[in-house]
């Protein structure tokens, strides 16, 4: 988190966009750490960031293939006690970021999220 936050600050990325980006980064990283690898396995995740007129943050891991974009949308309308657990995190990520892409190539899960400066509201 400190790495992403310092890169956003170093490149003068708009302060009002940073909290949403950091929330999305935390959600993605925690899910990779919790679910990408089997409990008895150790694994790595690489997080990189490129910033110009947009922030592009890429997560790469060699864990189990999983496309979070193919998960069902969460039920936001029904009573909380009747709702299925899971799915809220990627829902929040999709709503906080301008673009979310996933690919599985050469045994790697690659999730890329983008936030554009010109979409400041």
PDB file of N, CA and C in Angstrom:
ATOM      1  N   UNK A   1       0.828  -1.191   0.000  1.00  0.00           N
ATOM      2  CA  UNK A   1       0.000   0.000   0.000  1.00  0.00           C
ATOM      3  C   UNK A   1       0.872   1.254   0.000  1.00  0.00           C
ATOM      4  N   UNK A   2       1.937   1.224   0.809  1.00  0.00           N
ATOM      5  CA  UNK A   2       2.831   2.387   0.852  1.00  0.00           C
ATOM      6  C   UNK A   2       3.468   2.644  -0.508  1.00  0.00           C
ATOM      7  N   UNK A   3       3.827   1.572  -1.196  1.00  0.00           N
ATOM      8  CA  UNK A   3       4.429   1.703  -2.529  1.00  0.00           C
ATOM      9  C   UNK A   3       3.472   2.414  -3.480  1.00  0.00           C
ATOM     10  N   UNK A   4       2.223   1.953  -3.541  1.00  0.00           N
ATOM     11  CA  UNK A   4       1.235   2.560  -4.448  1.00  0.00           C
ATOM     12  C   UNK A   4       0.978   4.007  -4.039  1.00  0.00           C
ATOM     13  N   UNK A   5       0.787   4.230  -2.747  1.00  0.00           N
ATOM     14  CA  UNK A   5       0.505   5.578  -2.262  1.00  0.00           C
ATOM     15  C   UNK A   5       1.654   6.536  -2.585  1.00  0.00           C
ATOM     16  N   UNK A   6       2.885   6.080  -2.402  1.00  0.00           N
ATOM     17  CA  UNK A   6       4.026   6.960  -2.684  1.00  0.00           C
ATOM     18  C   UNK A   6       4.156   7.238  -4.180  1.00  0.00           C
ATOM     19  N   UNK A   7       3.862   6.255  -5.023  1.00  0.00           N
ATOM     20  CA  UNK A   7       3.921   6.475  -6.475  1.00  0.00           C
ATOM     21  C   UNK A   7       2.838   7.467  -6.917  1.00  0.00           C
ATOM     22  N   UNK A   8       1.644   7.339  -6.364  1.00  0.00           N
ATOM     23  CA  UNK A   8       0.576   8.282  -6.702  1.00  0.00           C
ATOM     24  C   UNK A   8       0.966   9.697  -6.293  1.00  0.00           C
ATOM     25  N   UNK A   9       1.524   9.845  -5.103  1.00  0.00           N
ATOM     26  CA  UNK A   9       1.936  11.167  -4.616  1.00  0.00           C
ATOM     27  C   UNK A   9       3.094  11.714  -5.450  1.00  0.00           C
ATOM     28  N   UNK A  10       4.078  10.874  -5.738  1.00  0.00           N
ATOM     29  CA  UNK A  10       5.254  11.301  -6.497  1.00  0.00           C
ATOM     30  C   UNK A  10       4.869  11.841  -7.878  1.00  0.00           C
ATOM     31  N   UNK A  11       3.811  11.268  -8.469  1.00  0.00           N
ATOM     32  CA  UNK A  11       3.371  11.691  -9.792  1.00  0.00           C
ATOM     33  C   UNK A  11       2.206  12.687  -9.734  1.00  0.00           C
ATOM     34  N   UNK A  12       1.969  13.243  -8.541  1.00  0.00           N
ATOM     35  CA  UNK A  12       0.913  14.252  -8.339  1.00  0.00           C
ATOM     36  C   UNK A  12      -0.449  13.787  -8.835  1.00  0.00           C
ATOM     37  N   UNK A  13      -0.737  12.500  -8.619  1.00  0.00           N
ATOM     38  CA  UNK A  13      -2.056  11.994  -9.002  1.00  0.00           C
ATOM     39  C   UNK A  13      -3.082  12.657  -8.093  1.00  0.00           C
ATOM     40  N   UNK A  14      -4.237  13.086  -8.615  1.00  0.00           N
ATOM     41  CA  UNK A  14      -5.210  13.827  -7.817  1.00  0.00           C
ATOM     42  C   UNK A  14      -5.548  13.141  -6.485  1.00  0.00           C
ATOM     43  N   UNK A  15      -5.425  13.896  -5.421  1.00  0.00           N
ATOM     44  CA  UNK A  15      -5.634  13.364  -4.073  1.00  0.00           C
ATOM     45  C   UNK A  15      -7.022  12.758  -3.890  1.00  0.00           C
ATOM     46  N   UNK A  16      -8.029  13.331  -4.536  1.00  0.00           N
ATOM     47  CA  UNK A  16      -9.375  12.801  -4.325  1.00  0.00           C
ATOM     48  C   UNK A  16      -9.599  11.450  -4.994  1.00  0.00           C
ATOM     49  N   UNK A  17      -8.711  11.037  -5.891  1.00  0.00           N
ATOM     50  CA  UNK A  17      -8.828   9.723  -6.519  1.00  0.00           C
ATOM     51  C   UNK A  17      -8.063   8.638  -5.759  1.00  0.00           C
ATOM     52  N   UNK A  18      -7.147   9.036  -4.929  1.00  0.00           N
ATOM     53  CA  UNK A  18      -6.267   8.070  -4.261  1.00  0.00           C
ATOM     54  C   UNK A  18      -6.980   7.097  -3.330  1.00  0.00           C
ATOM     55  N   UNK A  19      -7.919   7.541  -2.487  1.00  0.00           N
ATOM     56  CA  UNK A  19      -8.555   6.579  -1.575  1.00  0.00           C
ATOM     57  C   UNK A  19      -9.244   5.415  -2.304  1.00  0.00           C
ATOM     58  N   UNK A  20      -9.928   5.688  -3.397  1.00  0.00           N
ATOM     59  CA  UNK A  20     -10.585   4.623  -4.161  1.00  0.00           C
ATOM     60  C   UNK A  20      -9.582   3.657  -4.754  1.00  0.00           C
ATOM     61  N   UNK A  21      -8.477   4.198  -5.265  1.00  0.00           N
ATOM     62  CA  UNK A  21      -7.431   3.353  -5.828  1.00  0.00           C
ATOM     63  C   UNK A  21      -6.844   2.462  -4.739  1.00  0.00           C
ATOM     64  N   UNK A  22      -6.531   3.046  -3.600  1.00  0.00           N
ATOM     65  CA  UNK A  22      -5.930   2.276  -2.505  1.00  0.00           C
ATOM     66  C   UNK A  22      -6.879   1.211  -1.978  1.00  0.00           C
ATOM     67  N   UNK A  23      -8.160   1.517  -1.921  1.00  0.00           N
ATOM     68  CA  UNK A  23      -9.147   0.520  -1.493  1.00  0.00           C
ATOM     69  C   UNK A  23      -9.188  -0.634  -2.485  1.00  0.00           C
ATOM     70  N   UNK A  24      -9.178  -0.329  -3.773  1.00  0.00           N
ATOM     71  CA  UNK A  24      -9.187  -1.371  -4.804  1.00  0.00           C
ATOM     72  C   UNK A  24      -7.925  -2.220  -4.725  1.00  0.00           C
ATOM     73  N   UNK A  25      -6.776  -1.591  -4.560  1.00  0.00           N
ATOM     74  CA  UNK A  25      -5.508  -2.312  -4.466  1.00  0.00           C
ATOM     75  C   UNK A  25      -5.519  -3.254  -3.267  1.00  0.00           C
ATOM     76  N   UNK A  26      -5.978  -2.764  -2.140  1.00  0.00           N
ATOM     77  CA  UNK A  26      -6.029  -3.613  -0.937  1.00  0.00           C
ATOM     78  C   UNK A  26      -6.957  -4.807  -1.150  1.00  0.00           C
ATOM     79  N   UNK A  27      -8.113  -4.566  -1.701  1.00  0.00           N
ATOM     80  CA  UNK A  27      -9.078  -5.645  -1.953  1.00  0.00           C
ATOM     81  C   UNK A  27      -8.471  -6.709  -2.862  1.00  0.00           C
ATOM     82  N   UNK A  28      -7.856  -6.291  -3.930  1.00  0.00           N
ATOM     83  CA  UNK A  28      -7.270  -7.244  -4.882  1.00  0.00           C
ATOM     84  C   UNK A  28      -6.125  -8.014  -4.231  1.00  0.00           C
ATOM     85  N   UNK A  29      -5.221  -7.310  -3.570  1.00  0.00           N
ATOM     86  CA  UNK A  29      -4.054  -7.968  -2.983  1.00  0.00           C
ATOM     87  C   UNK A  29      -4.462  -8.970  -1.898  1.00  0.00           C
ATOM     88  N   UNK A  30      -5.388  -8.590  -1.046  1.00  0.00           N
ATOM     89  CA  UNK A  30      -5.842  -9.491   0.021  1.00  0.00           C
ATOM     90  C   UNK A  30      -6.478 -10.743  -0.576  1.00  0.00           C
ATOM     91  N   UNK A  31      -7.253 -10.586  -1.631  1.00  0.00           N
ATOM     92  CA  UNK A  31      -7.873 -11.758  -2.259  1.00  0.00           C
ATOM     93  C   UNK A  31      -6.836 -12.670  -2.912  1.00  0.00           C
ATOM     94  N   UNK A  32      -5.820 -12.103  -3.537  1.00  0.00           N
ATOM     95  CA  UNK A  32      -4.757 -12.930  -4.107  1.00  0.00           C
ATOM     96  C   UNK A  32      -4.051 -13.683  -2.987  1.00  0.00           C
ATOM     97  N   UNK A  33      -3.702 -12.966  -1.921  1.00  0.00           N
ATOM     98  CA  UNK A  33      -2.997 -13.594  -0.799  1.00  0.00           C
ATOM     99  C   UNK A  33      -3.835 -14.701  -0.159  1.00  0.00           C
ATOM    100  N   UNK A  34      -5.133 -14.517  -0.095  1.00  0.00           N
ATOM    101  CA  UNK A  34      -6.006 -15.494   0.571  1.00  0.00           C
ATOM    102  C   UNK A  34      -6.388 -16.671  -0.310  1.00  0.00           C
ATOM    103  N   UNK A  35      -6.502 -16.474  -1.621  1.00  0.00           N
ATOM    104  CA  UNK A  35      -7.113 -17.502  -2.460  1.00  0.00           C
ATOM    105  C   UNK A  35      -6.287 -18.019  -3.640  1.00  0.00           C
ATOM    106  N   UNK A  36      -5.240 -17.317  -4.050  1.00  0.00           N
ATOM    107  CA  UNK A  36      -4.531 -17.727  -5.265  1.00  0.00           C
ATOM    108  C   UNK A  36      -3.772 -19.040  -5.091  1.00  0.00           C
ATOM    109  N   UNK A  37      -3.253 -19.266  -3.910  1.00  0.00           N
ATOM    110  CA  UNK A  37      -2.423 -20.447  -3.672  1.00  0.00           C
ATOM    111  C   UNK A  37      -3.087 -21.367  -2.654  1.00  0.00           C
ATOM    112  N   UNK A  38      -2.832 -22.654  -2.788  1.00  0.00           N
ATOM    113  CA  UNK A  38      -3.350 -23.622  -1.824  1.00  0.00           C
ATOM    114  C   UNK A  38      -2.721 -23.350  -0.465  1.00  0.00           C
ATOM    115  N   UNK A  39      -3.431 -23.686   0.624  1.00  0.00           N
ATOM    116  CA  UNK A  39      -2.907 -23.365   1.965  1.00  0.00           C
ATOM    117  C   UNK A  39      -1.486 -23.875   2.223  1.00  0.00           C
ATOM    118  N   UNK A  40      -1.134 -25.019   1.672  1.00  0.00           N
ATOM    119  CA  UNK A  40       0.196 -25.569   1.917  1.00  0.00           C
ATOM    120  C   UNK A  40       1.263 -25.007   0.973  1.00  0.00           C
ATOM    121  N   UNK A  41       0.860 -24.172   0.021  1.00  0.00           N
ATOM    122  CA  UNK A  41       1.790 -23.586  -0.946  1.00  0.00           C
ATOM    123  C   UNK A  41       2.186 -22.168  -0.537  1.00  0.00           C
ATOM    124  N   UNK A  42       3.370 -21.803  -0.965  1.00  0.00           N
ATOM    125  CA  UNK A  42       3.789 -20.411  -0.857  1.00  0.00           C
ATOM    126  C   UNK A  42       3.769 -19.853  -2.269  1.00  0.00           C
ATOM    127  N   UNK A  43       3.454 -18.605  -2.394  1.00  0.00           N
ATOM    128  CA  UNK A  43       3.413 -18.003  -3.720  1.00  0.00           C
ATOM    129  C   UNK A  43       3.752 -16.536  -3.660  1.00  0.00           C
ATOM    130  N   UNK A  44       3.949 -15.987  -4.816  1.00  0.00           N
ATOM    131  CA  UNK A  44       4.302 -14.575  -4.934  1.00  0.00           C
ATOM    132  C   UNK A  44       3.241 -13.831  -5.715  1.00  0.00           C
ATOM    133  N   UNK A  45       3.218 -12.546  -5.494  1.00  0.00           N
ATOM    134  CA  UNK A  45       2.423 -11.648  -6.316  1.00  0.00           C
ATOM    135  C   UNK A  45       3.300 -10.434  -6.596  1.00  0.00           C
ATOM    136  N   UNK A  46       3.307 -10.023  -7.842  1.00  0.00           N
ATOM    137  CA  UNK A  46       4.053  -8.833  -8.239  1.00  0.00           C
ATOM    138  C   UNK A  46       3.039  -7.725  -8.504  1.00  0.00           C
ATOM    139  N   UNK A  47       3.291  -6.576  -7.922  1.00  0.00           N
ATOM    140  CA  UNK A  47       2.424  -5.416  -8.133  1.00  0.00           C
ATOM    141  C   UNK A  47       3.275  -4.334  -8.778  1.00  0.00           C
ATOM    142  N   UNK A  48       2.812  -3.853  -9.931  1.00  0.00           N
ATOM    143  CA  UNK A  48       3.528  -2.774 -10.610  1.00  0.00           C
ATOM    144  C   UNK A  48       2.557  -1.641 -10.904  1.00  0.00           C
ATOM    145  N   UNK A  49       3.103  -0.449 -11.026  1.00  0.00           N
ATOM    146  CA  UNK A  49       2.267   0.718 -11.295  1.00  0.00           C
ATOM    147  C   UNK A  49       2.954   1.591 -12.343  1.00  0.00           C
ATOM    148  N   UNK A  50       2.148   2.095 -13.266  1.00  0.00           N
ATOM    149  CA  UNK A  50       2.593   3.057 -14.262  1.00  0.00           C
ATOM    150  C   UNK A  50       1.651   4.241 -14.169  1.00  0.00           C
ATOM    151  N   UNK A  51       2.216   5.425 -14.095  1.00  0.00           N
ATOM    152  CA  UNK A  51       1.375   6.618 -13.953  1.00  0.00           C
ATOM    153  C   UNK A  51       1.789   7.659 -14.980  1.00  0.00           C
ATOM    154  N   UNK A  52       0.789   8.107 -15.746  1.00  0.00           N
ATOM    155  CA  UNK A  52       0.943   9.263 -16.622  1.00  0.00           C
ATOM    156  C   UNK A  52      -0.392   9.986 -16.564  1.00  0.00           C
ATOM    157  N   UNK A  53      -1.193   9.975 -17.627  1.00  0.00           N
ATOM    158  CA  UNK A  53      -2.523  10.582 -17.551  1.00  0.00           C
ATOM    159  C   UNK A  53      -3.524   9.651 -16.873  1.00  0.00           C
ATOM    160  N   UNK A  54      -3.026   8.482 -16.482  1.00  0.00           N
ATOM    161  CA  UNK A  54      -3.840   7.508 -15.748  1.00  0.00           C
ATOM    162  C   UNK A  54      -2.908   6.665 -14.889  1.00  0.00           C
ATOM    163  N   UNK A  55      -3.484   6.039 -13.892  1.00  0.00           N
ATOM    164  CA  UNK A  55      -2.736   5.085 -13.070  1.00  0.00           C
ATOM    165  C   UNK A  55      -3.119   3.693 -13.536  1.00  0.00           C
ATOM    166  N   UNK A  56      -2.124   2.903 -13.899  1.00  0.00           N
ATOM    167  CA  UNK A  56      -2.338   1.519 -14.312  1.00  0.00           C
ATOM    168  C   UNK A  56      -1.606   0.639 -13.307  1.00  0.00           C
ATOM    169  N   UNK A  57      -2.362  -0.188 -12.608  1.00  0.00           N
ATOM    170  CA  UNK A  57      -1.786  -1.052 -11.582  1.00  0.00           C
ATOM    171  C   UNK A  57      -2.022  -2.492 -11.997  1.00  0.00           C
ATOM    172  N   UNK A  58      -0.939  -3.262 -12.030  1.00  0.00           N
ATOM    173  CA  UNK A  58      -1.001  -4.639 -12.515  1.00  0.00           C
ATOM    174  C   UNK A  58      -0.557  -5.595 -11.410  1.00  0.00           C
ATOM    175  N   UNK A  59      -1.358  -6.639 -11.234  1.00  0.00           N
ATOM    176  CA  UNK A  59      -1.084  -7.701 -10.266  1.00  0.00           C
ATOM    177  C   UNK A  59      -0.816  -8.976 -11.054  1.00  0.00           C
ATOM    178  N   UNK A  60       0.298  -9.635 -10.770  1.00  0.00           N
ATOM    179  CA  UNK A  60       0.644 -10.876 -11.457  1.00  0.00           C
ATOM    180  C   UNK A  60       0.941 -11.937 -10.407  1.00  0.00           C
ATOM    181  N   UNK A  61       0.279 -13.089 -10.526  1.00  0.00           N
ATOM    182  CA  UNK A  61       0.570 -14.215  -9.642  1.00  0.00           C
ATOM    183  C   UNK A  61       0.532 -15.505 -10.452  1.00  0.00           C
ATOM    184  N   UNK A  62       1.101 -16.560  -9.881  1.00  0.00           N
ATOM    185  CA  UNK A  62       1.133 -17.869 -10.528  1.00  0.00           C
ATOM    186  C   UNK A  62       0.198 -18.848  -9.821  1.00  0.00           C
ATOM    187  N   UNK A  63      -0.794 -18.328  -9.123  1.00  0.00           N
ATOM    188  CA  UNK A  63      -1.742 -19.161  -8.395  1.00  0.00           C
ATOM    189  C   UNK A  63      -2.760 -19.809  -9.319  1.00  0.00           C
ATOM    190  N   UNK A  64      -3.790 -20.365  -8.691  1.00  0.00           N
ATOM    191  CA  UNK A  64      -4.867 -21.004  -9.434  1.00  0.00           C
ATOM    192  C   UNK A  64      -5.506 -19.995 -10.390  1.00  0.00           C
ATOM    193  N   UNK A  65      -5.779 -20.396 -11.628  1.00  0.00           N
ATOM    194  CA  UNK A  65      -6.454 -19.473 -12.554  1.00  0.00           C
ATOM    195  C   UNK A  65      -7.805 -19.041 -11.986  1.00  0.00           C
ATOM    196  N   UNK A  66      -8.036 -17.756 -11.986  1.00  0.00           N
ATOM    197  CA  UNK A  66      -9.310 -17.237 -11.498  1.00  0.00           C
ATOM    198  C   UNK A  66      -9.571 -15.880 -12.125  1.00  0.00           C
ATOM    199  N   UNK A  67     -10.668 -15.799 -12.860  1.00  0.00           N
ATOM    200  CA  UNK A  67     -11.075 -14.539 -13.470  1.00  0.00           C
ATOM    201  C   UNK A  67     -12.174 -13.920 -12.615  1.00  0.00           C
ATOM    202  N   UNK A  68     -11.846 -12.913 -11.822  1.00  0.00           N
ATOM    203  CA  UNK A  68     -12.864 -12.310 -10.955  1.00  0.00           C
ATOM    204  C   UNK A  68     -13.965 -11.603 -11.738  1.00  0.00           C
ATOM    205  N   UNK A  69     -13.699 -11.293 -13.011  1.00  0.00           N
ATOM    206  CA  UNK A  69     -14.712 -10.613 -13.822  1.00  0.00           C
ATOM    207  C   UNK A  69     -15.830 -11.543 -14.254  1.00  0.00           C
ATOM    208  N   UNK A  70     -15.630 -12.851 -14.086  1.00  0.00           N
ATOM    209  CA  UNK A  70     -16.659 -13.825 -14.447  1.00  0.00           C
ATOM    210  C   UNK A  70     -17.543 -14.216 -13.269  1.00  0.00           C
ATOM    211  N   UNK A  71     -17.330 -13.607 -12.130  1.00  0.00           N
ATOM    212  CA  UNK A  71     -18.158 -13.923 -10.966  1.00  0.00           C
ATOM    213  C   UNK A  71     -19.511 -13.233 -11.100  1.00  0.00           C
ATOM    214  N   UNK A  72     -20.511 -13.834 -10.485  1.00  0.00           N
ATOM    215  CA  UNK A  72     -21.853 -13.248 -10.510  1.00  0.00           C
ATOM    216  C   UNK A  72     -21.865 -11.923  -9.755  1.00  0.00           C
ATOM    217  N   UNK A  73     -22.667 -11.014 -10.237  1.00  0.00           N
ATOM    218  CA  UNK A  73     -22.839  -9.740  -9.539  1.00  0.00           C
ATOM    219  C   UNK A  73     -23.499 -10.013  -8.194  1.00  0.00           C
ATOM    220  N   UNK A  74     -23.073  -9.310  -7.154  1.00  0.00           N
ATOM    221  CA  UNK A  74     -23.672  -9.551  -5.837  1.00  0.00           C
ATOM    222  C   UNK A  74     -25.094  -9.015  -5.768  1.00  0.00           C
ATOM    223  N   UNK A  75     -25.885  -9.626  -4.922  1.00  0.00           N
ATOM    224  CA  UNK A  75     -27.253  -9.171  -4.664  1.00  0.00           C
ATOM    225  C   UNK A  75     -27.163  -7.997  -3.697  1.00  0.00           C
ATOM    226  N   UNK A  76     -27.496  -6.817  -4.169  1.00  0.00           N
ATOM    227  CA  UNK A  76     -27.441  -5.624  -3.327  1.00  0.00           C
ATOM    228  C   UNK A  76     -28.819  -5.189  -2.848  1.00  0.00           C
ATOM    229  N   UNK A  77     -29.829  -5.926  -3.240  1.00  0.00           N
ATOM    230  CA  UNK A  77     -31.198  -5.523  -2.945  1.00  0.00           C
ATOM    231  C   UNK A  77     -31.877  -6.351  -1.853  1.00  0.00           C
ATOM    232  N   UNK A  78     -31.601  -7.634  -1.813  1.00  0.00           N
ATOM    233  CA  UNK A  78     -32.293  -8.509  -0.869  1.00  0.00           C
ATOM    234  C   UNK A  78     -31.860  -8.283   0.564  1.00  0.00           C
ATOM    235  N   UNK A  79     -32.577  -8.897   1.498  1.00  0.00           N
ATOM    236  CA  UNK A  79     -32.186  -8.795   2.907  1.00  0.00           C
ATOM    237  C   UNK A  79     -30.773  -9.347   3.110  1.00  0.00           C
ATOM    238  N   UNK A  80     -30.003  -8.692   3.946  1.00  0.00           N
ATOM    239  CA  UNK A  80     -28.613  -9.085   4.155  1.00  0.00           C
ATOM    240  C   UNK A  80     -28.500 -10.544   4.567  1.00  0.00           C
ATOM    241  N   UNK A  81     -29.390 -11.020   5.419  1.00  0.00           N
ATOM    242  CA  UNK A  81     -29.299 -12.403   5.904  1.00  0.00           C
ATOM    243  C   UNK A  81     -29.522 -13.421   4.790  1.00  0.00           C
ATOM    244  N   UNK A  82     -30.140 -13.018   3.686  1.00  0.00           N
ATOM    245  CA  UNK A  82     -30.415 -13.928   2.579  1.00  0.00           C
ATOM    246  C   UNK A  82     -29.379 -13.833   1.456  1.00  0.00           C
ATOM    247  N   UNK A  83     -28.450 -12.912   1.563  1.00  0.00           N
ATOM    248  CA  UNK A  83     -27.484 -12.704   0.490  1.00  0.00           C
ATOM    249  C   UNK A  83     -26.345 -13.719   0.558  1.00  0.00           C
ATOM    250  N   UNK A  84     -25.880 -14.119  -0.622  1.00  0.00           N
ATOM    251  CA  UNK A  84     -24.743 -15.021  -0.735  1.00  0.00           C
ATOM    252  C   UNK A  84     -23.470 -14.271  -0.345  1.00  0.00           C
ATOM    253  N   UNK A  85     -22.586 -14.945   0.372  1.00  0.00           N
ATOM    254  CA  UNK A  85     -21.321 -14.346   0.774  1.00  0.00           C
ATOM    255  C   UNK A  85     -20.387 -14.303  -0.430  1.00  0.00           C
ATOM    256  N   UNK A  86     -19.668 -13.202  -0.570  1.00  0.00           N
ATOM    257  CA  UNK A  86     -18.685 -13.062  -1.642  1.00  0.00           C
ATOM    258  C   UNK A  86     -19.184 -12.201  -2.781  1.00  0.00           C
ATOM    259  N   UNK A  87     -18.242 -11.691  -3.536  1.00  0.00           N
ATOM    260  CA  UNK A  87     -18.564 -10.924  -4.729  1.00  0.00           C
ATOM    261  C   UNK A  87     -18.599  -9.426  -4.539  1.00  0.00           C
ATOM    262  N   UNK A  88     -18.664  -8.967  -3.293  1.00  0.00           N
ATOM    263  CA  UNK A  88     -18.726  -7.520  -3.077  1.00  0.00           C
ATOM    264  C   UNK A  88     -17.408  -6.832  -3.424  1.00  0.00           C
ATOM    265  N   UNK A  89     -16.295  -7.501  -3.148  1.00  0.00           N
ATOM    266  CA  UNK A  89     -14.983  -6.889  -3.392  1.00  0.00           C
ATOM    267  C   UNK A  89     -14.774  -6.517  -4.843  1.00  0.00           C
ATOM    268  N   UNK A  90     -14.996  -7.452  -5.746  1.00  0.00           N
ATOM    269  CA  UNK A  90     -14.791  -7.146  -7.166  1.00  0.00           C
ATOM    270  C   UNK A  90     -15.828  -6.133  -7.642  1.00  0.00           C
ATOM    271  N   UNK A  91     -17.018  -6.168  -7.063  1.00  0.00           N
ATOM    272  CA  UNK A  91     -18.036  -5.161  -7.373  1.00  0.00           C
ATOM    273  C   UNK A  91     -17.516  -3.766  -7.022  1.00  0.00           C
ATOM    274  N   UNK A  92     -16.924  -3.628  -5.839  1.00  0.00           N
ATOM    275  CA  UNK A  92     -16.371  -2.338  -5.429  1.00  0.00           C
ATOM    276  C   UNK A  92     -15.214  -1.929  -6.335  1.00  0.00           C
ATOM    277  N   UNK A  93     -14.335  -2.886  -6.650  1.00  0.00           N
ATOM    278  CA  UNK A  93     -13.195  -2.586  -7.528  1.00  0.00           C
ATOM    279  C   UNK A  93     -13.690  -2.072  -8.879  1.00  0.00           C
ATOM    280  N   UNK A  94     -14.663  -2.759  -9.455  1.00  0.00           N
ATOM    281  CA  UNK A  94     -15.196  -2.337 -10.759  1.00  0.00           C
ATOM    282  C   UNK A  94     -15.790  -0.939 -10.697  1.00  0.00           C
ATOM    283  N   UNK A  95     -16.400  -0.586  -9.563  1.00  0.00           N
ATOM    284  CA  UNK A  95     -17.028   0.720  -9.433  1.00  0.00           C
ATOM    285  C   UNK A  95     -16.047   1.827  -9.068  1.00  0.00           C
ATOM    286  N   UNK A  96     -14.945   1.478  -8.433  1.00  0.00           N
ATOM    287  CA  UNK A  96     -13.956   2.493  -8.056  1.00  0.00           C
ATOM    288  C   UNK A  96     -12.968   2.790  -9.180  1.00  0.00           C
ATOM    289  N   UNK A  97     -12.726   1.802 -10.020  1.00  0.00           N
ATOM    290  CA  UNK A  97     -11.735   1.954 -11.084  1.00  0.00           C
ATOM    291  C   UNK A  97     -12.450   2.171 -12.418  1.00  0.00           C
ATOM    292  N   UNK A  98     -11.750   2.757 -13.385  1.00  0.00           N
ATOM    293  CA  UNK A  98     -12.344   3.017 -14.697  1.00  0.00           C
ATOM    294  C   UNK A  98     -12.302   1.796 -15.605  1.00  0.00           C
ATOM    295  N   UNK A  99     -11.320   0.932 -15.390  1.00  0.00           N
ATOM    296  CA  UNK A  99     -11.199  -0.258 -16.224  1.00  0.00           C
ATOM    297  C   UNK A  99     -10.568  -1.371 -15.391  1.00  0.00           C
ATOM    298  N   UNK A 100     -11.079  -2.585 -15.585  1.00  0.00           N
ATOM    299  CA  UNK A 100     -10.530  -3.767 -14.920  1.00  0.00           C
ATOM    300  C   UNK A 100     -10.432  -4.854 -15.979  1.00  0.00           C
ATOM    301  N   UNK A 101      -9.236  -5.412 -16.148  1.00  0.00           N
ATOM    302  CA  UNK A 101      -9.014  -6.460 -17.149  1.00  0.00           C
ATOM    303  C   UNK A 101      -8.313  -7.648 -16.505  1.00  0.00           C
ATOM    304  N   UNK A 102      -8.638  -8.834 -16.985  1.00  0.00           N
ATOM    305  CA  UNK A 102      -7.996 -10.064 -16.506  1.00  0.00           C
ATOM    306  C   UNK A 102      -7.538 -10.885 -17.700  1.00  0.00           C
ATOM    307  N   UNK A 103      -6.376 -11.496 -17.549  1.00  0.00           N
ATOM    308  CA  UNK A 103      -5.947 -12.488 -18.527  1.00  0.00           C
ATOM    309  C   UNK A 103      -5.154 -13.562 -17.795  1.00  0.00           C
ATOM    310  N   UNK A 104      -5.190 -14.758 -18.350  1.00  0.00           N
ATOM    311  CA  UNK A 104      -4.393 -15.871 -17.826  1.00  0.00           C
ATOM    312  C   UNK A 104      -3.493 -16.318 -18.967  1.00  0.00           C
ATOM    313  N   UNK A 105      -2.190 -16.075 -18.808  1.00  0.00           N
ATOM    314  CA  UNK A 105      -1.227 -16.363 -19.861  1.00  0.00           C
ATOM    315  C   UNK A 105       0.012 -17.011 -19.258  1.00  0.00           C
ATOM    316  N   UNK A 106       0.471 -18.088 -19.884  1.00  0.00           N
ATOM    317  CA  UNK A 106       1.692 -18.763 -19.439  1.00  0.00           C
ATOM    318  C   UNK A 106       1.694 -19.067 -17.945  1.00  0.00           C
ATOM    319  N   UNK A 107       0.549 -19.527 -17.441  1.00  0.00           N
ATOM    320  CA  UNK A 107       0.439 -19.895 -16.032  1.00  0.00           C
ATOM    321  C   UNK A 107       0.313 -18.719 -15.088  1.00  0.00           C
ATOM    322  N   UNK A 108       0.140 -17.522 -15.622  1.00  0.00           N
ATOM    323  CA  UNK A 108       0.054 -16.325 -14.787  1.00  0.00           C
ATOM    324  C   UNK A 108      -1.350 -15.740 -14.816  1.00  0.00           C
ATOM    325  N   UNK A 109      -1.830 -15.347 -13.650  1.00  0.00           N
ATOM    326  CA  UNK A 109      -3.019 -14.515 -13.543  1.00  0.00           C
ATOM    327  C   UNK A 109      -2.534 -13.079 -13.616  1.00  0.00           C
ATOM    328  N   UNK A 110      -3.111 -12.304 -14.518  1.00  0.00           N
ATOM    329  CA  UNK A 110      -2.731 -10.898 -14.661  1.00  0.00           C
ATOM    330  C   UNK A 110      -4.010 -10.066 -14.562  1.00  0.00           C
ATOM    331  N   UNK A 111      -4.104  -9.298 -13.492  1.00  0.00           N
ATOM    332  CA  UNK A 111      -5.251  -8.419 -13.284  1.00  0.00           C
ATOM    333  C   UNK A 111      -4.741  -6.992 -13.353  1.00  0.00           C
ATOM    334  N   UNK A 112      -5.328  -6.201 -14.242  1.00  0.00           N
ATOM    335  CA  UNK A 112      -4.899  -4.820 -14.452  1.00  0.00           C
ATOM    336  C   UNK A 112      -6.077  -3.894 -14.182  1.00  0.00           C
ATOM    337  N   UNK A 113      -5.840  -2.906 -13.334  1.00  0.00           N
ATOM    338  CA  UNK A 113      -6.872  -1.912 -13.038  1.00  0.00           C
ATOM    339  C   UNK A 113      -6.344  -0.541 -13.431  1.00  0.00           C
ATOM    340  N   UNK A 114      -7.252   0.298 -13.918  1.00  0.00           N
ATOM    341  CA  UNK A 114      -6.869   1.617 -14.420  1.00  0.00           C
ATOM    342  C   UNK A 114      -7.790   2.686 -13.847  1.00  0.00           C
ATOM    343  N   UNK A 115      -7.189   3.812 -13.472  1.00  0.00           N
ATOM    344  CA  UNK A 115      -7.950   4.985 -13.063  1.00  0.00           C
ATOM    345  C   UNK A 115      -7.413   6.164 -13.853  1.00  0.00           C
ATOM    346  N   UNK A 116      -8.303   6.849 -14.562  1.00  0.00           N
ATOM    347  CA  UNK A 116      -7.906   7.958 -15.420  1.00  0.00           C
ATOM    348  C   UNK A 116      -8.108   9.293 -14.720  1.00  0.00           C
ATOM    349  N   UNK A 117      -7.138  10.189 -14.899  1.00  0.00           N
ATOM    350  CA  UNK A 117      -7.233  11.515 -14.289  1.00  0.00           C
ATOM    351  C   UNK A 117      -8.377  12.320 -14.877  1.00  0.00           C
ATOM    352  N   UNK A 118      -8.590  12.209 -16.187  1.00  0.00           N
ATOM    353  CA  UNK A 118      -9.599  13.053 -16.826  1.00  0.00           C
ATOM    354  C   UNK A 118     -11.029  12.662 -16.474  1.00  0.00           C
ATOM    355  N   UNK A 119     -11.183  11.612 -15.686  1.00  0.00           N
ATOM    356  CA  UNK A 119     -12.530  11.224 -15.255  1.00  0.00           C
ATOM    357  C   UNK A 119     -12.812  11.668 -13.822  1.00  0.00           C
ATOM    358  N   UNK A 120     -12.036  12.641 -13.355  1.00  0.00           N
ATOM    359  CA  UNK A 120     -12.248  13.193 -12.008  1.00  0.00           C
ATOM    360  C   UNK A 120     -13.616  13.837 -11.971  1.00  0.00           C
ATOM    361  N   UNK A 121     -14.371  13.483 -10.954  1.00  0.00           N
ATOM    362  CA  UNK A 121     -15.749  14.014 -10.827  1.00  0.00           C
ATOM    363  C   UNK A 121     -15.811  15.094  -9.784  1.00  0.00           C
TER     364      UNK A 121
END
